[in-house]
C-alpha cells in the first residue's frame, strides 16, 4: 500500500493506493498512529485501492475509533470496495462515496 497526503487546517486527506488487506491495513494504522488528535475531518481517498479485505475493514474501524467523534469520510470507492462497506453496514457509520 502506498499513502500520499494533503494537510489543511482541520482536514487531513490520505490518498491510498494498492490493496487494503493484511499487509496494507497495518501500514495505514502505522501511518496514522498518534497523528489524529488535531484532525477534525479525515478523508481516505480510495480511488486507487484495488482490493479491501476484512483486515482492511478492521484498519478503517481502528482509524475511526482513534478519531473519536471527529469525521471520517471515505471517497473514490470502486464498486467492489463500496460493496464491502455496504454489505457490512459501515456505509451508515461514516460517509462512504463511490468513485465517479
Protein backbone atom coordinates (compact mmCIF):
# COMPACT_ATOMS: atom_id res chain seq x y z
CA UNK A 1 0.00 0.00 0.00
CA UNK A 2 1.19 3.48 -0.80
CA UNK A 3 -0.06 6.56 1.02
CA UNK A 4 0.20 10.20 -0.03
CA UNK A 5 -1.25 13.06 1.98
CA UNK A 6 -2.56 16.58 1.90
CA UNK A 7 -2.95 18.59 5.11
CA UNK A 8 -5.23 21.55 5.55
CA UNK A 9 -6.02 23.34 8.83
CA UNK A 10 -8.77 20.96 10.02
CA UNK A 11 -8.71 18.30 7.32
CA UNK A 12 -6.22 15.58 6.54
CA UNK A 13 -6.63 13.70 3.26
CA UNK A 14 -4.86 10.40 2.74
CA UNK A 15 -4.64 9.09 -0.81
CA UNK A 16 -4.42 5.32 -0.59
CA UNK A 17 -3.33 3.07 -3.43
CA UNK A 18 -2.86 -0.66 -3.71
CA UNK A 19 -4.55 -3.22 -1.52
CA UNK A 20 -6.04 -2.55 1.89
CA UNK A 21 -5.57 -6.04 3.29
CA UNK A 22 -3.47 -7.96 5.81
CA UNK A 23 -0.39 -6.05 4.66
CA UNK A 24 -1.85 -2.65 3.76
CA UNK A 25 -4.07 -2.37 6.84
CA UNK A 26 -1.20 -2.24 9.34
CA UNK A 27 0.56 0.27 7.08
CA UNK A 28 -2.46 2.59 7.36
CA UNK A 29 -2.50 2.12 11.13
CA UNK A 30 1.20 2.90 11.44
CA UNK A 31 0.89 5.94 9.18
CA UNK A 32 -1.92 7.48 11.24
CA UNK A 33 -0.74 6.44 14.71
CA UNK A 34 -0.51 9.44 17.03
CA UNK A 35 -1.43 11.91 14.27
CA UNK A 36 -5.22 12.13 14.60
CA UNK A 37 -5.69 14.19 17.77
CA UNK A 38 -5.90 17.55 15.99
CA UNK A 39 -7.76 16.30 12.89
CA UNK A 40 -11.41 17.37 12.64
CA UNK A 41 -12.01 15.56 9.34
CA UNK A 42 -10.04 12.67 7.92
CA UNK A 43 -10.65 11.80 4.28
CA UNK A 44 -9.49 8.44 2.99
CA UNK A 45 -9.38 8.74 -0.79
CA UNK A 46 -9.63 5.17 -2.07
CA UNK A 47 -9.66 5.98 -5.78
CA UNK A 48 -6.60 3.78 -6.32
CA UNK A 49 -7.46 0.98 -3.87
CA UNK A 50 -7.97 -2.17 -5.92
CA UNK A 51 -8.96 -4.55 -3.13
CA UNK A 52 -10.06 -4.45 0.51
CA UNK A 53 -10.26 -7.45 2.82
CA UNK A 54 -11.65 -7.84 6.34
CA UNK A 55 -8.23 -6.76 7.63
CA UNK A 56 -8.70 -3.51 5.70
CA UNK A 57 -12.11 -3.02 7.27
CA UNK A 58 -10.58 -3.52 10.70
CA UNK A 59 -7.93 -0.88 9.91
CA UNK A 60 -10.57 1.63 8.84
CA UNK A 61 -12.58 0.93 12.01
CA UNK A 62 -9.48 1.43 14.16
CA UNK A 63 -8.80 4.75 12.44
CA UNK A 64 -12.39 5.82 13.11
CA UNK A 65 -12.05 4.76 16.75
CA UNK A 66 -8.88 6.87 17.08
CA UNK A 67 -10.73 9.85 15.55
CA UNK A 68 -13.42 9.63 18.20
CA UNK A 69 -16.33 11.93 17.42
CA UNK A 70 -14.49 13.60 14.57
CA UNK A 71 -15.45 12.96 10.96
CA UNK A 72 -14.21 10.16 8.73
CA UNK A 73 -15.07 10.39 5.02
CA UNK A 74 -14.19 7.68 2.54
CA UNK A 75 -14.20 8.76 -1.08
CA UNK A 76 -13.47 7.33 -4.53
CA UNK A 77 -14.53 3.74 -3.82
CA UNK A 78 -14.70 1.43 -6.81
CA UNK A 79 -17.73 -0.88 -6.99
CA UNK A 80 -16.05 -3.76 -5.13
CA UNK A 81 -14.73 -1.61 -2.27
CA UNK A 82 -18.04 0.24 -1.96
CA UNK A 83 -19.89 -3.09 -1.81
CA UNK A 84 -17.73 -4.18 1.14
CA UNK A 85 -18.79 -1.08 3.08
CA UNK A 86 -22.40 -1.57 2.03
CA UNK A 87 -22.58 -5.28 2.93
CA UNK A 88 -21.03 -4.69 6.35
CA UNK A 89 -23.35 -1.76 7.07
CA UNK A 90 -20.39 0.58 7.54
CA UNK A 91 -21.76 2.94 4.91
CA UNK A 92 -24.18 4.04 7.67
CA UNK A 93 -21.41 4.51 10.25
CA UNK A 94 -19.36 7.02 8.25
CA UNK A 95 -19.59 8.77 4.90
CA UNK A 96 -18.69 6.46 2.01
CA UNK A 97 -18.75 7.74 -1.57
CA UNK A 98 -18.47 5.82 -4.82
CA UNK A 99 -15.98 6.82 -7.48
CA UNK A 100 -17.47 8.86 -10.28
